[in-house]
């Protein structure tokens, strides 16, 4: 139904983003999202490491 297979679709989406947010704000937004994802992944990793010792003690 809604496919993004063609390059023209991607170009249209990029054009809309640039018009809405401005070319200057897009790199800053991308950096913020990347930092947020990095923090989120590290928190998930820390949570997984905390659970491992608990499961080993039950054996």
PDB file of N, CA and C in Angstrom:
ATOM      1  N   UNK A   1       0.831  -1.195   0.000  1.00  0.00           N
ATOM      2  CA  UNK A   1       0.000   0.000   0.000  1.00  0.00           C
ATOM      3  C   UNK A   1       0.875   1.258   0.000  1.00  0.00           C
ATOM      4  N   UNK A   2       1.640   1.458   1.060  1.00  0.00           N
ATOM      5  CA  UNK A   2       2.509   2.619   1.128  1.00  0.00           C
ATOM      6  C   UNK A   2       3.947   2.124   1.111  1.00  0.00           C
ATOM      7  N   UNK A   3       4.553   2.158  -0.054  1.00  0.00           N
ATOM      8  CA  UNK A   3       5.908   1.636  -0.186  1.00  0.00           C
ATOM      9  C   UNK A   3       6.908   2.745  -0.450  1.00  0.00           C
ATOM     10  N   UNK A   4       8.116   2.544   0.042  1.00  0.00           N
ATOM     11  CA  UNK A   4       9.180   3.516  -0.181  1.00  0.00           C
ATOM     12  C   UNK A   4      10.306   2.876  -0.982  1.00  0.00           C
ATOM     13  N   UNK A   5       9.927   2.132  -2.011  1.00  0.00           N
ATOM     14  CA  UNK A   5      10.915   1.423  -2.802  1.00  0.00           C
ATOM     15  C   UNK A   5      11.639   2.330  -3.791  1.00  0.00           C
ATOM     16  N   UNK A   6      10.963   3.334  -4.270  1.00  0.00           N
ATOM     17  CA  UNK A   6      11.532   4.180  -5.310  1.00  0.00           C
ATOM     18  C   UNK A   6      12.311   5.348  -4.706  1.00  0.00           C
ATOM     19  N   UNK A   7      13.428   5.702  -5.328  1.00  0.00           N
ATOM     20  CA  UNK A   7      14.223   6.827  -4.819  1.00  0.00           C
ATOM     21  C   UNK A   7      13.454   8.150  -4.800  1.00  0.00           C
ATOM     22  N   UNK A   8      12.503   8.299  -5.699  1.00  0.00           N
ATOM     23  CA  UNK A   8      11.742   9.552  -5.728  1.00  0.00           C
ATOM     24  C   UNK A   8      10.918   9.724  -4.449  1.00  0.00           C
ATOM     25  N   UNK A   9      10.472   8.616  -3.852  1.00  0.00           N
ATOM     26  CA  UNK A   9       9.729   8.701  -2.594  1.00  0.00           C
ATOM     27  C   UNK A   9      10.633   9.212  -1.477  1.00  0.00           C
ATOM     28  N   UNK A  10      11.857   8.685  -1.434  1.00  0.00           N
ATOM     29  CA  UNK A  10      12.805   9.124  -0.403  1.00  0.00           C
ATOM     30  C   UNK A  10      13.168  10.598  -0.597  1.00  0.00           C
ATOM     31  N   UNK A  11      13.357  11.013  -1.836  1.00  0.00           N
ATOM     32  CA  UNK A  11      13.676  12.414  -2.100  1.00  0.00           C
ATOM     33  C   UNK A  11      12.550  13.338  -1.660  1.00  0.00           C
ATOM     34  N   UNK A  12      11.330  12.925  -1.889  1.00  0.00           N
ATOM     35  CA  UNK A  12      10.182  13.721  -1.473  1.00  0.00           C
ATOM     36  C   UNK A  12      10.119  13.841   0.046  1.00  0.00           C
ATOM     37  N   UNK A  13      10.373  12.752   0.747  1.00  0.00           N
ATOM     38  CA  UNK A  13      10.362  12.782   2.216  1.00  0.00           C
ATOM     39  C   UNK A  13      11.469  13.687   2.741  1.00  0.00           C
ATOM     40  N   UNK A  14      12.659  13.589   2.165  1.00  0.00           N
ATOM     41  CA  UNK A  14      13.766  14.442   2.582  1.00  0.00           C
ATOM     42  C   UNK A  14      13.450  15.912   2.327  1.00  0.00           C
ATOM     43  N   UNK A  15      12.856  16.197   1.190  1.00  0.00           N
ATOM     44  CA  UNK A  15      12.476  17.573   0.860  1.00  0.00           C
ATOM     45  C   UNK A  15      11.468  18.120   1.873  1.00  0.00           C
ATOM     46  N   UNK A  16      10.484  17.323   2.230  1.00  0.00           N
ATOM     47  CA  UNK A  16       9.477  17.748   3.210  1.00  0.00           C
ATOM     48  C   UNK A  16      10.133  18.011   4.567  1.00  0.00           C
ATOM     49  N   UNK A  17      11.054  17.141   4.986  1.00  0.00           N
ATOM     50  CA  UNK A  17      11.747  17.335   6.258  1.00  0.00           C
ATOM     51  C   UNK A  17      12.572  18.619   6.258  1.00  0.00           C
ATOM     52  N   UNK A  18      13.253  18.882   5.153  1.00  0.00           N
ATOM     53  CA  UNK A  18      14.057  20.101   5.069  1.00  0.00           C
ATOM     54  C   UNK A  18      13.164  21.334   5.115  1.00  0.00           C
ATOM     55  N   UNK A  19      12.036  21.281   4.446  1.00  0.00           N
ATOM     56  CA  UNK A  19      11.117  22.430   4.450  1.00  0.00           C
ATOM     57  C   UNK A  19      10.525  22.629   5.840  1.00  0.00           C
ATOM     58  N   UNK A  20      10.139  21.550   6.506  1.00  0.00           N
ATOM     59  CA  UNK A  20       9.520  21.672   7.818  1.00  0.00           C
ATOM     60  C   UNK A  20      10.505  22.107   8.902  1.00  0.00           C
ATOM     61  N   UNK A  21      11.667  21.504   8.934  1.00  0.00           N
ATOM     62  CA  UNK A  21      12.587  21.739  10.041  1.00  0.00           C
ATOM     63  C   UNK A  21      13.743  22.665   9.694  1.00  0.00           C
ATOM     64  N   UNK A  22      14.018  22.863   8.446  1.00  0.00           N
ATOM     65  CA  UNK A  22      15.138  23.701   8.040  1.00  0.00           C
ATOM     66  C   UNK A  22      16.413  22.891   7.956  1.00  0.00           C
ATOM     67  N   UNK A  23      17.255  23.255   7.029  1.00  0.00           N
ATOM     68  CA  UNK A  23      18.485  22.502   6.788  1.00  0.00           C
ATOM     69  C   UNK A  23      19.443  22.592   7.969  1.00  0.00           C
ATOM     70  N   UNK A  24      19.395  23.676   8.716  1.00  0.00           N
ATOM     71  CA  UNK A  24      20.321  23.853   9.831  1.00  0.00           C
ATOM     72  C   UNK A  24      19.948  22.977  11.027  1.00  0.00           C
ATOM     73  N   UNK A  25      18.674  22.756  11.260  1.00  0.00           N
ATOM     74  CA  UNK A  25      18.235  21.994  12.433  1.00  0.00           C
ATOM     75  C   UNK A  25      18.303  20.486  12.237  1.00  0.00           C
ATOM     76  N   UNK A  26      18.313  20.005  11.012  1.00  0.00           N
ATOM     77  CA  UNK A  26      18.327  18.554  10.767  1.00  0.00           C
ATOM     78  C   UNK A  26      19.580  17.867  11.306  1.00  0.00           C
ATOM     79  N   UNK A  27      20.792  18.378  11.074  1.00  0.00           N
ATOM     80  CA  UNK A  27      21.964  17.701  11.648  1.00  0.00           C
ATOM     81  C   UNK A  27      21.952  17.691  13.174  1.00  0.00           C
ATOM     82  N   UNK A  28      21.493  18.782  13.776  1.00  0.00           N
ATOM     83  CA  UNK A  28      21.411  18.827  15.237  1.00  0.00           C
ATOM     84  C   UNK A  28      20.409  17.808  15.760  1.00  0.00           C
ATOM     85  N   UNK A  29      19.299  17.668  15.068  1.00  0.00           N
ATOM     86  CA  UNK A  29      18.297  16.685  15.466  1.00  0.00           C
ATOM     87  C   UNK A  29      18.835  15.271  15.325  1.00  0.00           C
ATOM     88  N   UNK A  30      19.559  15.020  14.256  1.00  0.00           N
ATOM     89  CA  UNK A  30      20.136  13.697  14.043  1.00  0.00           C
ATOM     90  C   UNK A  30      21.153  13.368  15.132  1.00  0.00           C
ATOM     91  N   UNK A  31      21.968  14.341  15.538  1.00  0.00           N
ATOM     92  CA  UNK A  31      22.933  14.124  16.616  1.00  0.00           C
ATOM     93  C   UNK A  31      22.220  13.828  17.928  1.00  0.00           C
ATOM     94  N   UNK A  32      21.153  14.536  18.207  1.00  0.00           N
ATOM     95  CA  UNK A  32      20.398  14.310  19.434  1.00  0.00           C
ATOM     96  C   UNK A  32      19.785  12.919  19.461  1.00  0.00           C
ATOM     97  N   UNK A  33      19.242  12.497  18.345  1.00  0.00           N
ATOM     98  CA  UNK A  33      18.649  11.160  18.256  1.00  0.00           C
ATOM     99  C   UNK A  33      19.723  10.096  18.424  1.00  0.00           C
ATOM    100  N   UNK A  34      20.878  10.304  17.808  1.00  0.00           N
ATOM    101  CA  UNK A  34      21.969   9.333  17.926  1.00  0.00           C
ATOM    102  C   UNK A  34      22.450   9.219  19.367  1.00  0.00           C
ATOM    103  N   UNK A  35      22.574  10.349  20.057  1.00  0.00           N
ATOM    104  CA  UNK A  35      22.993  10.317  21.468  1.00  0.00           C
ATOM    105  C   UNK A  35      21.952   9.602  22.321  1.00  0.00           C
ATOM    106  N   UNK A  36      20.692   9.871  22.066  1.00  0.00           N
ATOM    107  CA  UNK A  36      19.622   9.226  22.819  1.00  0.00           C
ATOM    108  C   UNK A  36      19.637   7.717  22.619  1.00  0.00           C
ATOM    109  N   UNK A  37      19.824   7.272  21.379  1.00  0.00           N
ATOM    110  CA  UNK A  37      19.888   5.841  21.098  1.00  0.00           C
ATOM    111  C   UNK A  37      21.101   5.192  21.764  1.00  0.00           C
ATOM    112  N   UNK A  38      22.224   5.903  21.772  1.00  0.00           N
ATOM    113  CA  UNK A  38      23.430   5.380  22.410  1.00  0.00           C
ATOM    114  C   UNK A  38      23.210   5.198  23.915  1.00  0.00           C
ATOM    115  N   UNK A  39      22.595   6.170  24.556  1.00  0.00           N
ATOM    116  CA  UNK A  39      22.290   6.074  25.984  1.00  0.00           C
ATOM    117  C   UNK A  39      21.304   4.946  26.235  1.00  0.00           C
ATOM    118  N   UNK A  40      20.292   4.843  25.398  1.00  0.00           N
ATOM    119  CA  UNK A  40      19.283   3.791  25.558  1.00  0.00           C
ATOM    120  C   UNK A  40      19.911   2.407  25.450  1.00  0.00           C
ATOM    121  N   UNK A  41      20.792   2.210  24.465  1.00  0.00           N
ATOM    122  CA  UNK A  41      21.451   0.918  24.296  1.00  0.00           C
ATOM    123  C   UNK A  41      22.347   0.595  25.480  1.00  0.00           C
ATOM    124  N   UNK A  42      23.055   1.594  25.993  1.00  0.00           N
ATOM    125  CA  UNK A  42      23.930   1.333  27.141  1.00  0.00           C
ATOM    126  C   UNK A  42      23.103   0.989  28.377  1.00  0.00           C
ATOM    127  N   UNK A  43      21.951   1.610  28.544  1.00  0.00           N
ATOM    128  CA  UNK A  43      21.074   1.289  29.675  1.00  0.00           C
ATOM    129  C   UNK A  43      20.519  -0.127  29.553  1.00  0.00           C
ATOM    130  N   UNK A  44      20.157  -0.529  28.331  1.00  0.00           N
ATOM    131  CA  UNK A  44      19.679  -1.895  28.134  1.00  0.00           C
ATOM    132  C   UNK A  44      20.778  -2.905  28.434  1.00  0.00           C
ATOM    133  N   UNK A  45      21.997  -2.580  28.024  1.00  0.00           N
ATOM    134  CA  UNK A  45      23.121  -3.462  28.275  1.00  0.00           C
ATOM    135  C   UNK A  45      23.381  -3.575  29.783  1.00  0.00           C
ATOM    136  N   UNK A  46      23.332  -2.455  30.493  1.00  0.00           N
ATOM    137  CA  UNK A  46      23.535  -2.459  31.941  1.00  0.00           C
ATOM    138  C   UNK A  46      22.449  -3.262  32.646  1.00  0.00           C
ATOM    139  N   UNK A  47      21.235  -3.153  32.198  1.00  0.00           N
ATOM    140  CA  UNK A  47      20.126  -3.901  32.793  1.00  0.00           C
ATOM    141  C   UNK A  47      20.322  -5.394  32.579  1.00  0.00           C
ATOM    142  N   UNK A  48      20.768  -5.787  31.399  1.00  0.00           N
ATOM    143  CA  UNK A  48      21.021  -7.196  31.100  1.00  0.00           C
ATOM    144  C   UNK A  48      22.141  -7.756  31.958  1.00  0.00           C
ATOM    145  N   UNK A  49      23.181  -6.960  32.224  1.00  0.00           N
ATOM    146  CA  UNK A  49      24.297  -7.415  33.046  1.00  0.00           C
ATOM    147  C   UNK A  49      23.882  -7.561  34.500  1.00  0.00           C
ATOM    148  N   UNK A  50      22.978  -6.714  34.962  1.00  0.00           N
ATOM    149  CA  UNK A  50      22.513  -6.802  36.344  1.00  0.00           C
ATOM    150  C   UNK A  50      21.680  -8.057  36.567  1.00  0.00           C
ATOM    151  N   UNK A  51      20.967  -8.511  35.558  1.00  0.00           N
ATOM    152  CA  UNK A  51      20.119  -9.690  35.696  1.00  0.00           C
ATOM    153  C   UNK A  51      20.924 -10.983  35.699  1.00  0.00           C
ATOM    154  N   UNK A  52      22.062 -11.031  35.031  1.00  0.00           N
ATOM    155  CA  UNK A  52      22.851 -12.253  34.935  1.00  0.00           C
ATOM    156  C   UNK A  52      23.274 -12.810  36.295  1.00  0.00           C
ATOM    157  N   UNK A  53      23.863 -12.023  37.201  1.00  0.00           N
ATOM    158  CA  UNK A  53      24.265 -12.584  38.495  1.00  0.00           C
ATOM    159  C   UNK A  53      23.083 -13.124  39.296  1.00  0.00           C
ATOM    160  N   UNK A  54      21.930 -12.503  39.212  1.00  0.00           N
ATOM    161  CA  UNK A  54      20.756 -12.985  39.944  1.00  0.00           C
ATOM    162  C   UNK A  54      20.343 -14.365  39.473  1.00  0.00           C
ATOM    163  N   UNK A  55      20.373 -14.607  38.175  1.00  0.00           N
ATOM    164  CA  UNK A  55      19.947 -15.905  37.652  1.00  0.00           C
ATOM    165  C   UNK A  55      20.986 -16.984  37.979  1.00  0.00           C
ATOM    166  N   UNK A  56      22.259 -16.628  38.111  1.00  0.00           N
ATOM    167  CA  UNK A  56      23.296 -17.594  38.461  1.00  0.00           C
ATOM    168  C   UNK A  56      23.192 -18.028  39.918  1.00  0.00           C
ATOM    169  N   UNK A  57      22.713 -17.154  40.782  1.00  0.00           N
ATOM    170  CA  UNK A  57      22.614 -17.474  42.213  1.00  0.00           C
ATOM    171  C   UNK A  57      21.484 -18.450  42.497  1.00  0.00           C
ATOM    172  N   UNK A  58      20.486 -18.510  41.628  1.00  0.00           N
ATOM    173  CA  UNK A  58      19.350 -19.395  41.879  1.00  0.00           C
ATOM    174  C   UNK A  58      19.681 -20.857  41.603  1.00  0.00           C
ATOM    175  N   UNK A  59      20.767 -21.138  40.876  1.00  0.00           N
ATOM    176  CA  UNK A  59      21.132 -22.515  40.516  1.00  0.00           C
ATOM    177  C   UNK A  59      21.774 -23.235  41.648  1.00  0.00           C
TER     178      UNK A  59
END
